[in-house]
Protein backbone atom coordinates (compact mmCIF):
# COMPACT_ATOMS: atom_id res chain seq x y z
CA MET A 1 0.00 0.00 0.00
CA GLN A 2 1.29 3.43 -0.93
CA ILE A 3 2.21 5.84 1.84
CA ILE A 4 0.74 9.29 1.32
CA GLN A 5 3.21 12.07 2.10
CA GLU A 6 1.64 15.50 2.45
CA ASN A 7 2.19 18.74 4.26
CA GLN A 8 0.98 18.17 7.83
CA GLN A 9 -0.93 21.47 7.89
CA GLU A 10 -2.85 20.47 4.74
CA LEU A 11 -3.81 17.17 6.34
CA LYS A 12 -4.88 18.88 9.54
CA LEU A 13 -7.26 21.15 7.64
CA ARG A 14 -9.23 18.06 6.60
CA VAL A 15 -9.92 17.08 10.21
CA LYS A 16 -13.05 18.99 11.12
CA SER A 17 -13.77 20.40 14.54
CA SER A 18 -16.04 18.62 16.99
CA ASP A 19 -18.69 21.25 16.26
CA ASP A 20 -18.77 20.07 12.64
CA LEU A 21 -18.82 16.37 13.54
CA GLU A 22 -21.37 15.94 16.27
CA SER A 23 -22.04 12.41 17.49
CA GLY A 24 -25.49 10.90 17.81
CA SER A 25 -27.13 8.93 14.97
CA MET A 26 -24.16 9.75 12.75
CA LYS A 27 -22.68 7.09 10.46
CA ILE A 28 -18.95 6.33 10.47
CA TYR A 29 -16.46 4.09 8.73
CA ILE A 30 -14.12 2.04 10.90
CA ALA A 31 -10.85 1.20 9.15
CA GLY A 32 -9.74 -2.25 10.24
CA ALA A 33 -11.83 -5.36 10.82
CA GLY A 34 -9.95 -7.19 13.56
CA GLY A 35 -10.40 -7.51 17.29
CA HIS A 36 -9.69 -3.86 18.05
CA ALA A 37 -12.38 -2.84 15.57
CA LYS A 38 -14.91 -4.62 17.80
CA VAL A 39 -13.71 -2.59 20.79
CA VAL A 40 -13.94 0.68 18.85
CA THR A 41 -17.40 -0.31 17.62
CA ALA A 42 -18.60 -0.62 21.22
CA ALA A 43 -17.18 2.81 22.02
CA ALA A 44 -18.78 4.35 18.94
CA GLN A 45 -22.17 2.79 19.63
CA SER A 46 -22.07 4.11 23.19
CA GLN A 47 -21.97 7.60 21.62
CA GLY A 48 -24.92 6.84 19.39
CA LEU A 49 -22.72 6.47 16.31
CA GLU A 50 -23.68 3.92 13.66
CA VAL A 51 -21.08 1.90 11.75
CA GLU A 52 -21.75 2.19 8.02
CA ALA A 53 -19.00 -0.29 7.10
CA TYR A 54 -15.55 -1.55 8.03
CA LEU A 55 -12.60 -0.94 5.69
CA ASP A 56 -10.12 -3.80 5.34
CA ASP A 57 -8.76 -4.94 1.98
CA ALA A 58 -7.81 -8.39 3.31
CA LYS A 59 -11.35 -9.09 4.58
CA ALA A 60 -13.39 -7.28 1.93
CA GLY A 61 -16.58 -9.10 1.00
CA THR A 62 -17.13 -10.47 4.52
CA THR A 63 -19.07 -8.97 7.42
CA LEU A 64 -18.21 -7.96 10.97
CA LEU A 65 -20.85 -7.48 13.65
CA GLY A 66 -23.48 -7.52 10.93
CA ARG A 67 -21.91 -4.76 8.85
CA PRO A 68 -20.10 -5.13 5.50
CA VAL A 69 -16.34 -5.06 5.16
CA LEU A 70 -15.26 -2.99 2.14
CA ARG A 71 -12.01 -2.30 0.37
CA GLU A 72 -10.38 0.88 1.60
CA ASP A 73 -9.55 1.91 -1.98
CA GLY A 74 -13.13 1.37 -3.19
CA PRO A 75 -15.91 3.97 -3.48
CA LEU A 76 -16.49 5.75 -0.15
CA ASN A 77 -18.92 8.48 0.85
CA PRO A 78 -16.90 11.61 1.77
CA GLU A 79 -19.76 12.75 4.02
CA ILE A 80 -19.14 9.80 6.36
CA ALA A 81 -16.42 10.33 8.98
CA PHE A 82 -13.89 7.67 9.94
CA VAL A 83 -11.70 6.31 12.71
CA VAL A 84 -8.83 3.84 12.27
CA ALA A 85 -9.10 0.79 14.56
CA ILE A 86 -5.65 -0.71 13.98
CA GLY A 87 -3.31 -1.29 16.90
CA ASN A 88 0.01 -0.95 15.06
CA ASN A 89 0.97 2.72 15.20
CA LYS A 90 2.72 2.93 11.83
CA VAL A 91 -0.03 1.09 9.98
CA ARG A 92 -2.68 3.20 11.70
CA GLU A 93 -0.86 6.43 10.81
CA THR A 94 -0.50 5.44 7.16
CA CYS A 95 -4.17 4.48 6.88
CA PHE A 96 -5.25 7.68 8.65
CA LYS A 97 -3.31 9.84 6.19
CA ARG A 98 -4.60 7.91 3.17
CA LEU A 99 -8.21 8.45 4.20
CA LEU A 100 -7.64 12.15 4.88
CA HIS A 101 -5.99 12.37 1.46
CA ARG A 102 -9.17 10.95 -0.07
CA GLY A 103 -11.17 13.78 1.47
CA LEU A 104 -12.77 11.90 4.36
CA GLN A 105 -13.05 13.47 7.80
CA ALA A 106 -11.74 11.99 11.04
CA ILE A 107 -13.84 11.83 14.20
CA LEU A 108 -13.04 11.38 17.88
CA VAL A 109 -14.58 8.22 19.35
CA LYS A 110 -14.93 8.11 23.14
CA HIS A 111 -16.72 5.45 25.13
CA GLU A 112 -19.42 6.69 27.48
CA ARG A 113 -17.59 4.90 30.32
CA ALA A 114 -14.33 6.76 29.69
CA ILE A 115 -13.62 9.74 31.95
CA ILE A 116 -12.31 12.91 30.31
CA ASP A 117 -12.01 15.54 33.03
CA GLY A 118 -10.54 18.80 31.79
CA ALA A 119 -8.41 17.05 29.14
CA THR A 120 -8.44 17.62 25.37
CA CYS A 121 -8.33 15.03 22.57
CA ASP A 122 -7.81 15.63 18.87
CA LEU A 123 -10.00 14.02 16.24
CA GLY A 124 -9.24 10.59 14.89
CA SER A 125 -8.39 9.35 18.38
CA GLN A 126 -10.28 6.69 20.31
CA ILE A 127 -10.81 6.70 24.06
CA ILE A 128 -11.87 3.23 25.18
CA ALA A 129 -14.03 2.16 28.14
CA GLY A 130 -12.44 2.69 31.54
CA ALA A 131 -9.79 5.12 30.33
CA ILE A 132 -9.19 8.21 32.48
CA LEU A 133 -7.80 11.51 31.19
CA ASN A 134 -7.27 14.16 33.83
CA GLN A 135 -6.91 17.93 33.98
CA ASP A 136 -4.93 19.65 31.20
CA ALA A 137 -3.81 16.39 29.62
CA ARG A 138 -3.57 16.60 25.83
CA VAL A 139 -4.01 13.69 23.39
CA GLY A 140 -3.03 14.20 19.75
CA ARG A 141 -4.58 12.90 16.54
CA ASN A 142 -5.21 9.25 15.70
CA CYS A 143 -4.24 7.93 19.14
CA ILE A 144 -5.54 4.94 21.08
CA ILE A 145 -6.11 5.42 24.81
CA ASN A 146 -7.04 1.85 25.54
CA SER A 147 -9.12 0.08 28.19
CA GLY A 148 -8.35 1.24 31.72
CA ALA A 149 -5.39 3.41 30.73
CA ILE A 150 -4.71 6.51 32.84
CA VAL A 151 -3.34 9.75 31.40
CA GLU A 152 -2.77 12.01 34.39
CA HIS A 153 -2.85 15.79 34.68
CA ASP A 154 -0.64 17.85 32.33
CA CYS A 155 0.44 14.85 30.24
CA GLN A 156 1.14 15.19 26.52
CA VAL A 157 0.41 12.34 24.09
CA GLY A 158 1.69 12.93 20.55
CA ASP A 159 -0.10 12.01 17.33
CA HIS A 160 -0.45 8.31 16.40
CA CYS A 161 0.43 6.98 19.88
CA HIS A 162 -1.00 3.96 21.70
CA VAL A 163 -1.42 3.91 25.46
CA ALA A 164 -2.20 0.22 25.95
CA PRO A 165 -4.69 -1.32 28.40
CA GLY A 166 -3.85 -0.60 32.02
CA ALA A 167 -0.88 1.66 31.22
CA ILE A 168 -0.34 4.75 33.39
CA MET A 169 1.19 8.10 32.52
CA GLY A 170 2.15 9.96 35.69
CA GLY A 171 1.43 13.68 35.94
CA GLY A 172 3.37 15.87 33.52
CA SER A 173 4.87 12.98 31.55
CA SER A 174 4.88 12.92 27.76
CA LEU A 175 4.77 10.33 24.98
CA GLY A 176 6.28 11.36 21.65
CA GLU A 177 4.60 10.91 18.28
CA GLY A 178 4.17 7.30 17.17
CA SER A 179 5.19 5.78 20.51
CA LEU A 180 3.72 2.75 22.30
CA LEU A 181 3.28 2.52 26.06
CA GLY A 182 2.73 -1.23 26.52
CA LEU A 183 0.23 -3.17 28.61
CA GLY A 184 0.39 -2.12 32.25
CA ALA A 185 3.52 -0.02 31.75
CA VAL A 186 4.09 3.06 33.91
CA LEU A 187 5.72 6.41 33.18
CA LEU A 188 6.76 8.16 36.38
CA PRO A 189 5.69 11.80 36.70
CA GLY A 190 7.57 14.18 34.45
CA VAL A 191 9.29 11.51 32.32
CA LYS A 192 9.68 12.49 28.66
CA ILE A 193 9.50 9.85 25.91
CA GLY A 194 10.77 10.59 22.40
CA GLN A 195 9.15 9.72 19.08
CA ASN A 196 8.59 6.16 17.82
CA VAL A 197 9.57 4.59 21.13
CA THR A 198 8.35 1.12 22.16
CA ILE A 199 7.93 0.53 25.89
CA GLY A 200 7.40 -3.11 26.81
CA ALA A 201 4.49 -4.46 28.83
CA GLY A 202 4.83 -4.01 32.58
CA SER A 203 7.78 -1.64 32.32
CA VAL A 204 8.41 1.13 34.84
CA VAL A 205 10.08 4.08 33.14
CA ILE A 206 11.92 6.29 35.62
CA LYS A 207 13.94 8.51 33.25
CA ASP A 208 13.65 10.11 29.82
CA VAL A 209 13.91 7.91 26.70
CA GLU A 210 15.35 9.08 23.38
CA SER A 211 13.49 8.75 20.07
CA GLY A 212 13.52 5.37 18.34
CA ALA A 213 14.45 3.37 21.43
CA ARG A 214 12.98 0.10 22.67
CA VAL A 215 12.88 -0.24 26.45
CA ALA A 216 11.55 -2.82 28.89
CA GLY A 217 11.83 -3.86 32.51
CA ALA A 218 11.36 -2.40 35.97
CA PRO A 219 13.18 -0.12 35.96
CA ALA A 220 13.10 0.08 32.16
CA ARG A 221 16.38 -0.44 30.29
CA ASN A 222 17.27 0.30 26.69
CA LEU A 223 17.13 -2.78 24.44
CA THR A 224 18.35 -1.10 21.24
């Protein structure tokens, strides 16, 4: 699949504000038709959103949860917003940019049982049941804040990140663009993580991590 490379500002202009994309009886596309798509479907339905179809070239012609699975490169209605339900950050980012390039609009999906208290989330992201985002936390575009994850006050989550189930970001910590905070992993308060970092499940990160690194353990150590 071709990677679309465009000016980031041009892409951002195609992501409408929440005032333009109100939830409630609105139809959406969900890109991806695997297990995570089922989780995102539950979150979307809790908002009153209706899944028009799933987009997955490998599973096109089948159905998921009673809805058709279509090819991503087939005819799509530009009036229907989308979210990308793919766990892999790079694949999700590429798909997100392709759909924006086609003129579709991204939407924020947040489960009714997620708590967003004074935090902000950009469109294209998905906030799953049990997640908690506290005061002045900021989540970028096309992120996954997964089941039971905690993003504490004043945290920064860059675009295309994944905060996995049960992971915790201590107050004032940050996760750089494209990074993964693994299952049950913990960032201590104030720790800064670079871009495209992978933090293994159960890790406890006590100091800053440079971009591109892979770390794991308690305390976390560099594996690269």
